[in-house]
Structures are given as structure tokens and as C-alpha cells.
Amino acid sequence: MQTRNVILALVMMMAFSACKSTFPDTKWTNKQWTVVEMLGVPVQTSNTPQDAHLIFNSGEKMVNGNGSCNRIFGPYEIGKRNSLKFGNLASTMMACQNQAFENKYLETLRSVESYQISGGELWLKDSKKRVILKLR
């Protein structure tokens, strides 16, 4: 009887670990993640839709958002060990005052390799595990 209970417990643990939620899960659908820091430098926010931000759509594996002027959109892929890669991100092409910031933001997104959730923030990291974007 004890062996049976141990086997049942192991099967249950494996089943629950297989159902582990990955980022972004369904609770995060349509959550706006606003950029608050890029490459260690704080980013001023205005609490408007023009703030640089990302919105993940877990059902479609697509991300959209804003670079501070232009809309951005494209696919993303979550892998093992919190890996995160953005596919070919596209954007609208309006001329902006903040074009240098937006270009650097898009370049930084392209170098994202992984993510971490910490204290309500989403940390996006490069291949050397350095936090390159903080979003809240």
C-alpha cells in the first residue's frame, strides 16, 4: 500500500510540474508592460499610451506595443530556462522627436535572450544575463 501511495505521489508531482505556467500566462493577456529602465538608465514615463511598452498576447504568441512614437509588433518565443526571443519586430514609420530612443529600444529588444519576474517588474536580459530592460 505504501509503495502505491509513493508512486501515486510521484505521478501527481510530474503532472503538476508539466502544467507549469510559462510567461506570459493568461492572467497577463493585455497587460501593458511599460519600460522604466533601459541599459541601466531610468526612462521617464508619462502614463500615456505613448510610453514605450509591450503587450504580450499568449494565445497568438505575438507582442505589440509602442516605441514612444511608433507602434511595434511581432512574434515572440518562450523556451526553457526562461528564454525569450523576439522574432522580426516591425513598426510603423512615423518621424519622431524621440527617434534615437526608439531606435535604441528596438535594438535592445532584438538582443533579449531571457526574462525574469522580480517584484512586479519584468526584467529582460541579454546573452550575458545582464538586465537590459526593466518594465513595470
C-alpha atoms as a PDB file:
ATOM      1  CA  MET A   1       0.000   0.000   0.000  1.00  0.00           C
ATOM      2  CA  GLN A   2       2.838   2.439   0.839  1.00  0.00           C
ATOM      3  CA  THR A   3       4.565   1.771  -2.492  1.00  0.00           C
ATOM      4  CA  ARG A   4       1.325   2.521  -4.278  1.00  0.00           C
ATOM      5  CA  ASN A   5       0.977   5.862  -2.429  1.00  0.00           C
ATOM      6  CA  VAL A   6       4.573   6.798  -3.253  1.00  0.00           C
ATOM      7  CA  ILE A   7       4.004   6.016  -6.936  1.00  0.00           C
ATOM      8  CA  LEU A   8       0.756   7.987  -6.917  1.00  0.00           C
ATOM      9  CA  ALA A   9       2.526  10.960  -5.299  1.00  0.00           C
ATOM     10  CA  LEU A  10       5.293  10.859  -7.928  1.00  0.00           C
ATOM     11  CA  VAL A  11       2.775  10.731 -10.770  1.00  0.00           C
ATOM     12  CA  MET A  12       0.897  13.707  -9.285  1.00  0.00           C
ATOM     13  CA  MET A  13       4.124  15.736  -8.917  1.00  0.00           C
ATOM     14  CA  MET A  14       5.071  15.046 -12.541  1.00  0.00           C
ATOM     15  CA  ALA A  15       1.604  16.020 -13.738  1.00  0.00           C
ATOM     16  CA  PHE A  16       1.670  19.325 -11.840  1.00  0.00           C
ATOM     17  CA  SER A  17       5.186  20.170 -12.999  1.00  0.00           C
ATOM     18  CA  ALA A  18       4.158  19.514 -16.615  1.00  0.00           C
ATOM     19  CA  CYS A  19       1.331  22.057 -16.210  1.00  0.00           C
ATOM     20  CA  LYS A  20       3.695  24.775 -15.016  1.00  0.00           C
ATOM     21  CA  SER A  21       2.585  28.126 -16.362  1.00  0.00           C
ATOM     22  CA  THR A  22       5.004  29.990 -18.586  1.00  0.00           C
ATOM     23  CA  PHE A  23       5.341  33.692 -19.144  1.00  0.00           C
ATOM     24  CA  PRO A  24       3.145  35.301 -20.214  1.00  0.00           C
ATOM     25  CA  ASP A  25       0.291  33.282 -18.847  1.00  0.00           C
ATOM     26  CA  THR A  26      -3.377  34.004 -19.432  1.00  0.00           C
ATOM     27  CA  LYS A  27      -3.535  36.371 -16.451  1.00  0.00           C
ATOM     28  CA  TRP A  28      -1.159  38.678 -18.300  1.00  0.00           C
ATOM     29  CA  THR A  29      -3.080  38.931 -21.548  1.00  0.00           C
ATOM     30  CA  ASN A  30      -3.457  42.606 -22.442  1.00  0.00           C
ATOM     31  CA  LYS A  31      -1.255  43.764 -19.545  1.00  0.00           C
ATOM     32  CA  GLN A  32       0.811  46.753 -20.577  1.00  0.00           C
ATOM     33  CA  TRP A  33       4.457  46.425 -19.515  1.00  0.00           C
ATOM     34  CA  THR A  34       5.908  49.954 -19.561  1.00  0.00           C
ATOM     35  CA  VAL A  35       9.659  50.456 -19.956  1.00  0.00           C
ATOM     36  CA  VAL A  36      11.078  52.090 -16.817  1.00  0.00           C
ATOM     37  CA  GLU A  37      14.782  51.422 -17.424  1.00  0.00           C
ATOM     38  CA  MET A  38      16.897  50.705 -20.498  1.00  0.00           C
ATOM     39  CA  LEU A  39      20.542  49.647 -20.308  1.00  0.00           C
ATOM     40  CA  GLY A  40      20.724  50.803 -16.691  1.00  0.00           C
ATOM     41  CA  VAL A  41      19.310  54.273 -17.412  1.00  0.00           C
ATOM     42  CA  PRO A  42      15.882  55.251 -15.988  1.00  0.00           C
ATOM     43  CA  VAL A  43      13.250  56.046 -18.627  1.00  0.00           C
ATOM     44  CA  GLN A  44      10.851  58.908 -17.973  1.00  0.00           C
ATOM     45  CA  THR A  45       7.210  57.823 -18.262  1.00  0.00           C
ATOM     46  CA  SER A  46       4.064  59.881 -18.737  1.00  0.00           C
ATOM     47  CA  ASN A  47       1.397  57.241 -18.002  1.00  0.00           C
ATOM     48  CA  THR A  48       0.065  57.649 -21.543  1.00  0.00           C
ATOM     49  CA  PRO A  49      -0.125  55.209 -24.477  1.00  0.00           C
ATOM     50  CA  GLN A  50       2.979  56.954 -25.884  1.00  0.00           C
ATOM     51  CA  ASP A  51       5.221  55.435 -23.192  1.00  0.00           C
ATOM     52  CA  ALA A  52       7.471  52.713 -24.588  1.00  0.00           C
ATOM     53  CA  HIS A  53       5.694  49.485 -23.702  1.00  0.00           C
ATOM     54  CA  LEU A  54       4.924  45.885 -24.633  1.00  0.00           C
ATOM     55  CA  ILE A  55       1.697  43.879 -24.501  1.00  0.00           C
ATOM     56  CA  PHE A  56       2.064  40.111 -24.836  1.00  0.00           C
ATOM     57  CA  ASN A  57      -0.692  38.013 -26.411  1.00  0.00           C
ATOM     58  CA  SER A  58      -0.017  34.497 -25.111  1.00  0.00           C
ATOM     59  CA  GLY A  59      -2.679  32.909 -27.323  1.00  0.00           C
ATOM     60  CA  GLU A  60      -1.123  34.146 -30.556  1.00  0.00           C
ATOM     61  CA  LYS A  61       2.494  34.343 -29.319  1.00  0.00           C
ATOM     62  CA  MET A  62       2.582  37.937 -30.548  1.00  0.00           C
ATOM     63  CA  VAL A  63       3.716  41.115 -28.883  1.00  0.00           C
ATOM     64  CA  ASN A  64       2.634  44.649 -29.683  1.00  0.00           C
ATOM     65  CA  GLY A  65       3.308  47.961 -28.105  1.00  0.00           C
ATOM     66  CA  ASN A  66       4.862  51.336 -28.638  1.00  0.00           C
ATOM     67  CA  GLY A  67       8.420  52.546 -29.036  1.00  0.00           C
ATOM     68  CA  SER A  68       7.460  56.039 -27.743  1.00  0.00           C
ATOM     69  CA  CYS A  69       6.191  57.197 -31.138  1.00  0.00           C
ATOM     70  CA  ASN A  70       5.640  54.254 -33.472  1.00  0.00           C
ATOM     71  CA  ARG A  71       3.612  51.126 -32.867  1.00  0.00           C
ATOM     72  CA  ILE A  72       5.652  47.913 -32.758  1.00  0.00           C
ATOM     73  CA  PHE A  73       4.514  44.333 -33.257  1.00  0.00           C
ATOM     74  CA  GLY A  74       5.834  40.861 -33.973  1.00  0.00           C
ATOM     75  CA  PRO A  75       6.202  37.291 -32.732  1.00  0.00           C
ATOM     76  CA  TYR A  76       7.984  36.057 -29.636  1.00  0.00           C
ATOM     77  CA  GLU A  77       9.034  32.645 -28.426  1.00  0.00           C
ATOM     78  CA  ILE A  78       9.368  31.350 -24.872  1.00  0.00           C
ATOM     79  CA  GLY A  79      11.752  28.462 -24.273  1.00  0.00           C
ATOM     80  CA  LYS A  80      13.220  26.512 -21.417  1.00  0.00           C
ATOM     81  CA  ARG A  81      15.020  28.213 -18.547  1.00  0.00           C
ATOM     82  CA  ASN A  82      13.149  31.488 -19.036  1.00  0.00           C
ATOM     83  CA  SER A  83      14.485  32.052 -22.530  1.00  0.00           C
ATOM     84  CA  LEU A  84      12.674  34.714 -24.530  1.00  0.00           C
ATOM     85  CA  LYS A  85      13.363  35.687 -28.121  1.00  0.00           C
ATOM     86  CA  PHE A  86      11.559  38.225 -30.238  1.00  0.00           C
ATOM     87  CA  GLY A  87      11.081  37.411 -33.912  1.00  0.00           C
ATOM     88  CA  ASN A  88      11.205  40.038 -36.625  1.00  0.00           C
ATOM     89  CA  LEU A  89       9.694  43.074 -34.950  1.00  0.00           C
ATOM     90  CA  ALA A  90       8.064  45.576 -37.261  1.00  0.00           C
ATOM     91  CA  SER A  91       6.974  49.124 -36.595  1.00  0.00           C
ATOM     92  CA  THR A  92       5.090  51.961 -38.173  1.00  0.00           C
ATOM     93  CA  MET A  93       7.360  54.540 -39.781  1.00  0.00           C
ATOM     94  CA  MET A  94       6.392  57.978 -38.470  1.00  0.00           C
ATOM     95  CA  ALA A  95       9.155  60.528 -37.989  1.00  0.00           C
ATOM     96  CA  CYS A  96       9.560  61.271 -34.295  1.00  0.00           C
ATOM     97  CA  GLN A  97      11.360  63.601 -31.954  1.00  0.00           C
ATOM     98  CA  ASN A  98      12.371  60.573 -29.893  1.00  0.00           C
ATOM     99  CA  GLN A  99      13.711  58.596 -32.865  1.00  0.00           C
ATOM    100  CA  ALA A 100      17.114  57.932 -31.256  1.00  0.00           C
ATOM    101  CA  PHE A 101      15.436  56.480 -28.145  1.00  0.00           C
ATOM    102  CA  GLU A 102      13.048  54.375 -30.209  1.00  0.00           C
ATOM    103  CA  ASN A 103      15.856  53.004 -32.386  1.00  0.00           C
ATOM    104  CA  LYS A 104      17.863  52.040 -29.298  1.00  0.00           C
ATOM    105  CA  TYR A 105      14.770  50.428 -27.735  1.00  0.00           C
ATOM    106  CA  LEU A 106      14.152  48.259 -30.819  1.00  0.00           C
ATOM    107  CA  GLU A 107      17.847  47.341 -30.980  1.00  0.00           C
ATOM    108  CA  THR A 108      17.754  46.386 -27.293  1.00  0.00           C
ATOM    109  CA  LEU A 109      14.642  44.232 -27.797  1.00  0.00           C
ATOM    110  CA  ARG A 110      16.459  42.333 -30.550  1.00  0.00           C
ATOM    111  CA  SER A 111      19.203  41.356 -28.095  1.00  0.00           C
ATOM    112  CA  VAL A 112      16.837  39.919 -25.462  1.00  0.00           C
ATOM    113  CA  GLU A 113      17.645  36.296 -24.636  1.00  0.00           C
ATOM    114  CA  SER A 114      15.782  35.678 -21.357  1.00  0.00           C
ATOM    115  CA  TYR A 115      13.406  37.154 -18.804  1.00  0.00           C
ATOM    116  CA  GLN A 116      12.882  37.274 -15.061  1.00  0.00           C
ATOM    117  CA  ILE A 117       9.961  38.485 -12.982  1.00  0.00           C
ATOM    118  CA  SER A 118      11.077  40.344  -9.872  1.00  0.00           C
ATOM    119  CA  GLY A 119       8.940  42.420  -7.516  1.00  0.00           C
ATOM    120  CA  GLY A 120       6.237  43.061 -10.113  1.00  0.00           C
ATOM    121  CA  GLU A 121       8.781  44.012 -12.763  1.00  0.00           C
ATOM    122  CA  LEU A 122       9.656  42.181 -15.947  1.00  0.00           C
ATOM    123  CA  TRP A 123      13.413  42.103 -16.475  1.00  0.00           C
ATOM    124  CA  LEU A 124      14.611  41.349 -19.991  1.00  0.00           C
ATOM    125  CA  LYS A 125      18.194  40.094 -20.171  1.00  0.00           C
ATOM    126  CA  ASP A 126      20.859  39.708 -22.845  1.00  0.00           C
ATOM    127  CA  SER A 127      23.033  36.663 -23.577  1.00  0.00           C
ATOM    128  CA  LYS A 128      25.347  37.551 -20.656  1.00  0.00           C
ATOM    129  CA  LYS A 129      22.338  37.585 -18.263  1.00  0.00           C
ATOM    130  CA  ARG A 130      22.578  41.376 -17.829  1.00  0.00           C
ATOM    131  CA  VAL A 131      19.278  43.187 -17.309  1.00  0.00           C
ATOM    132  CA  ILE A 132      18.916  45.384 -20.387  1.00  0.00           C
ATOM    133  CA  LEU A 133      15.257  46.389 -19.987  1.00  0.00           C
ATOM    134  CA  LYS A 134      13.076  46.768 -16.920  1.00  0.00           C
ATOM    135  CA  LEU A 135       9.334  47.005 -17.455  1.00  0.00           C
ATOM    136  CA  ARG A 136       6.603  47.609 -14.915  1.00  0.00           C
END
